[in-house]
Amino acid sequence: MANEKEVRKLTATNMLKAKFAELNLTQGEVAEKLGISKQSLSYKLNNKLEFKASEIKALSKILKIVDKDAYFFTIMIAKMAK
């Protein structure tokens, strides 16, 4: 079997949390503005769940992010065949 590749969308967690602090926003406030639960936001910030494109757009607006690629990026991970 050949190695498979998995595409993962990741977030720069520390950079996003720094933007929260810069704008004096809590995770709860940001979650409310996004229309998701605080737990869902936490999972997404910690790369356990992926942000939807609409959430990235909304979060970028809330946090005044211009360069989305610095905060949200995609990587390919090789998965070894068993």
Protein backbone atom coordinates (compact mmCIF):
# COMPACT_ATOMS: atom_id res chain seq x y z
CA MET A 1 0.00 0.00 0.00
CA ALA A 2 1.17 3.49 -0.80
CA ASN A 3 1.34 6.23 1.80
CA GLU A 4 -1.83 8.29 1.97
CA LYS A 5 -1.95 12.02 2.60
CA GLU A 6 -4.35 13.77 4.92
CA VAL A 7 -5.13 17.47 4.55
CA ARG A 8 -5.55 19.30 7.85
CA LYS A 9 -6.59 22.88 8.40
CA LEU A 10 -4.85 24.28 11.46
CA THR A 11 -4.92 27.49 13.43
CA ALA A 12 -2.13 29.50 15.02
CA THR A 13 -3.63 29.17 18.50
CA ASN A 14 -1.25 31.48 20.36
CA MET A 15 -1.57 34.21 17.75
CA LEU A 16 -5.38 34.07 17.90
CA LYS A 17 -5.38 34.15 21.71
CA ALA A 18 -3.03 37.15 21.58
CA LYS A 19 -5.57 38.94 19.35
CA PHE A 20 -8.31 38.14 21.90
CA ALA A 21 -6.19 39.76 24.63
CA GLU A 22 -5.26 42.74 22.44
CA LEU A 23 -8.95 43.44 21.84
CA ASN A 24 -9.97 42.60 25.44
CA LEU A 25 -12.21 39.75 24.29
CA THR A 26 -12.80 36.50 26.16
CA GLN A 27 -13.25 33.16 24.44
CA GLY A 28 -16.86 33.23 25.59
CA GLU A 29 -17.45 36.61 23.95
CA VAL A 30 -15.83 35.50 20.70
CA ALA A 31 -17.80 32.24 20.70
CA GLU A 32 -21.03 34.19 21.18
CA LYS A 33 -20.16 36.52 18.28
CA LEU A 34 -19.47 33.45 16.10
CA GLY A 35 -22.71 31.78 17.17
CA ILE A 36 -20.95 28.69 18.53
CA SER A 37 -20.43 27.31 22.03
CA LYS A 38 -17.36 28.19 24.08
CA GLN A 39 -16.41 24.50 24.03
CA SER A 40 -16.61 24.36 20.21
CA LEU A 41 -14.39 27.44 19.98
CA SER A 42 -11.91 25.86 22.38
CA TYR A 43 -11.78 22.67 20.27
CA LYS A 44 -11.24 24.72 17.13
CA LEU A 45 -8.54 26.89 18.71
CA ASN A 46 -6.74 23.75 19.86
CA ASN A 47 -7.01 22.08 16.44
CA LYS A 48 -9.33 19.30 17.59
CA LEU A 49 -12.00 20.58 15.17
CA GLU A 50 -11.58 22.67 12.03
CA PHE A 51 -13.03 26.13 11.59
CA LYS A 52 -15.58 26.43 8.77
CA ALA A 53 -14.78 28.95 6.04
CA SER A 54 -17.65 31.15 7.26
CA GLU A 55 -16.24 31.08 10.81
CA ILE A 56 -12.77 32.05 9.57
CA LYS A 57 -14.29 34.98 7.70
CA ALA A 58 -16.33 36.10 10.73
CA LEU A 59 -13.45 35.60 13.17
CA SER A 60 -11.10 37.56 10.93
CA LYS A 61 -13.58 40.43 10.96
CA ILE A 62 -14.10 40.25 14.75
CA LEU A 63 -10.35 40.16 15.42
CA LYS A 64 -9.46 42.63 12.65
CA ILE A 65 -7.16 40.09 10.97
CA VAL A 66 -5.91 41.13 7.55
CA ASP A 67 -3.56 38.23 6.74
CA LYS A 68 -5.77 35.17 7.31
CA ASP A 69 -3.03 32.84 6.05
CA ALA A 70 -0.88 33.72 9.05
CA TYR A 71 -3.60 32.53 11.43
CA PHE A 72 -5.35 29.78 9.46
CA PHE A 73 -3.35 27.42 7.27
CA THR A 74 -3.52 24.01 5.63
CA ILE A 75 -0.93 21.27 5.83
CA MET A 76 -0.64 17.83 4.31
CA ILE A 77 0.29 14.99 6.63
CA ALA A 78 1.56 11.68 5.32
CA LYS A 79 -0.27 8.74 6.82
CA MET A 80 1.73 5.54 6.91
CA ALA A 81 -0.01 2.49 5.51
CA LYS A 82 -0.50 -0.40 7.90
